[in-house]
């Protein structure tokens, strides 16, 4: 992470689903996800794609990112999670098993040292 100018706890903003930018609400499904950075994050510039995994089985959605794909550069491993305060990744009514409806299309993304 240090090679990208990032430390544990560093935070930026992402559009959770590259296919639902600026939509409200959005629907996410268990499985892979492609997100997009809104602003620069260490040496990763805005528009960098983040690839990860979504889990919807609990009351809140969990998204973990494993790979960053900055424009014009090689893909890089990353260890980050989507995170908002005040339960903002909580599933809305109407969510069914294997999917979640979220109020917002954006989220924070935070560098972590490992997934727990």
Protein backbone atom coordinates (compact mmCIF):
# COMPACT_ATOMS: atom_id res chain seq x y z
CA UNK A 1 0.00 0.00 0.00
CA UNK A 2 2.86 2.37 0.78
CA UNK A 3 4.04 2.10 -2.84
CA UNK A 4 0.72 3.72 -3.80
CA UNK A 5 1.12 6.44 -1.17
CA UNK A 6 -1.59 4.88 1.02
CA UNK A 7 -1.67 3.96 4.71
CA UNK A 8 -4.16 1.98 6.77
CA UNK A 9 -7.12 4.27 7.52
CA UNK A 10 -6.75 6.47 4.43
CA UNK A 11 -10.16 7.20 2.91
CA UNK A 12 -11.54 8.36 -0.43
CA UNK A 13 -14.88 8.27 -2.23
CA UNK A 14 -16.21 5.78 -4.79
CA UNK A 15 -19.22 5.14 -6.95
CA UNK A 16 -20.13 1.67 -5.76
CA UNK A 17 -21.23 0.25 -9.11
CA UNK A 18 -19.68 1.54 -12.34
CA UNK A 19 -22.97 0.69 -14.10
CA UNK A 20 -25.20 2.71 -11.74
CA UNK A 21 -23.30 5.99 -11.31
CA UNK A 22 -25.38 8.76 -9.68
CA UNK A 23 -28.44 6.50 -9.39
CA UNK A 24 -30.66 6.36 -6.32
CA UNK A 25 -31.42 3.80 -5.08
CA UNK A 26 -29.06 1.19 -6.50
CA UNK A 27 -29.19 -2.61 -6.45
CA UNK A 28 -26.09 -4.71 -5.80
CA UNK A 29 -25.80 -8.48 -5.94
CA UNK A 30 -23.61 -11.03 -4.17
CA UNK A 31 -20.47 -11.50 -6.23
CA UNK A 32 -17.95 -9.34 -8.06
CA UNK A 33 -18.27 -5.57 -8.28
CA UNK A 34 -16.53 -2.82 -10.25
CA UNK A 35 -16.42 0.56 -8.52
CA UNK A 36 -14.93 3.91 -9.63
CA UNK A 37 -12.89 6.38 -7.55
CA UNK A 38 -14.39 9.88 -7.40
CA UNK A 39 -11.15 11.60 -6.43
CA UNK A 40 -7.43 10.89 -6.23
CA UNK A 41 -6.41 8.35 -3.60
CA UNK A 42 -2.66 8.27 -2.93
CA UNK A 43 -1.12 7.73 -6.37
CA UNK A 44 -4.42 6.35 -7.73
CA UNK A 45 -6.17 9.04 -9.71
CA UNK A 46 -9.90 9.65 -10.00
CA UNK A 47 -11.54 7.23 -12.46
CA UNK A 48 -9.39 4.32 -11.20
CA UNK A 49 -11.49 1.14 -11.18
CA UNK A 50 -11.63 -0.89 -7.99
CA UNK A 51 -12.54 -4.56 -8.21
CA UNK A 52 -13.89 -6.52 -5.30
CA UNK A 53 -16.57 -8.73 -3.84
CA UNK A 54 -20.05 -7.99 -2.42
CA UNK A 55 -21.82 -9.86 0.37
CA UNK A 56 -25.48 -9.07 1.13
CA UNK A 57 -26.45 -11.72 3.69
CA UNK A 58 -26.37 -9.49 6.79
CA UNK A 59 -28.29 -6.31 7.64
CA UNK A 60 -25.62 -4.23 5.89
CA UNK A 61 -23.78 -4.79 2.64
CA UNK A 62 -20.09 -5.70 2.87
CA UNK A 63 -17.79 -4.77 -0.03
CA UNK A 64 -14.10 -5.67 -0.02
CA UNK A 65 -11.72 -4.49 -2.72
CA UNK A 66 -8.76 -6.57 -3.88
CA UNK A 67 -7.52 -4.85 -7.04
CA UNK A 68 -7.10 -1.33 -8.40
CA UNK A 69 -6.90 -0.61 -12.15
CA UNK A 70 -5.59 2.93 -12.67
CA UNK A 71 -5.92 4.35 -16.21
CA UNK A 72 -2.85 3.71 -18.34
CA UNK A 73 -1.07 1.63 -15.67
CA UNK A 74 -0.86 -1.97 -14.53
CA UNK A 75 -3.42 -3.37 -12.10
CA UNK A 76 -2.34 -3.29 -8.45
CA UNK A 77 -3.37 -5.32 -5.41
CA UNK A 78 -5.29 -3.31 -2.81
CA UNK A 79 -6.82 -4.09 0.58
CA UNK A 80 -9.81 -1.78 1.13
CA UNK A 81 -13.46 -1.80 2.17
CA UNK A 82 -16.50 0.30 1.30
CA UNK A 83 -17.54 2.10 4.47
CA UNK A 84 -20.00 4.80 5.49
CA UNK A 85 -21.00 5.98 8.94
CA UNK A 86 -24.50 5.78 10.41
CA UNK A 87 -25.48 2.47 8.75
CA UNK A 88 -25.48 3.95 5.25
CA UNK A 89 -24.73 0.58 3.67
CA UNK A 90 -27.82 -0.87 5.37
CA UNK A 91 -30.15 -2.73 3.02
CA UNK A 92 -33.44 -1.01 2.22
CA UNK A 93 -36.83 -2.74 2.44
CA UNK A 94 -37.48 -4.81 -0.67
CA UNK A 95 -34.00 -6.38 -0.63
CA UNK A 96 -34.18 -10.10 -1.31
CA UNK A 97 -31.70 -12.93 -0.63
CA UNK A 98 -28.56 -12.52 -2.75
CA UNK A 99 -29.16 -8.82 -3.44
CA UNK A 100 -29.48 -5.51 -1.66
CA UNK A 101 -31.08 -2.20 -2.44
CA UNK A 102 -28.98 0.73 -1.20
CA UNK A 103 -30.11 4.32 -0.84
CA UNK A 104 -26.96 5.88 -2.29
CA UNK A 105 -24.68 5.07 -5.22
CA UNK A 106 -21.60 6.44 -3.49
CA UNK A 107 -19.58 5.38 -0.48
CA UNK A 108 -16.34 5.93 1.30
CA UNK A 109 -13.51 3.49 0.65
CA UNK A 110 -10.99 2.86 3.43
CA UNK A 111 -7.60 1.13 3.33
CA UNK A 112 -7.39 -1.74 5.82
CA UNK A 113 -4.50 -3.93 6.93
CA UNK A 114 -6.46 -7.19 6.51
CA UNK A 115 -10.00 -8.49 6.10
CA UNK A 116 -11.72 -9.82 9.19
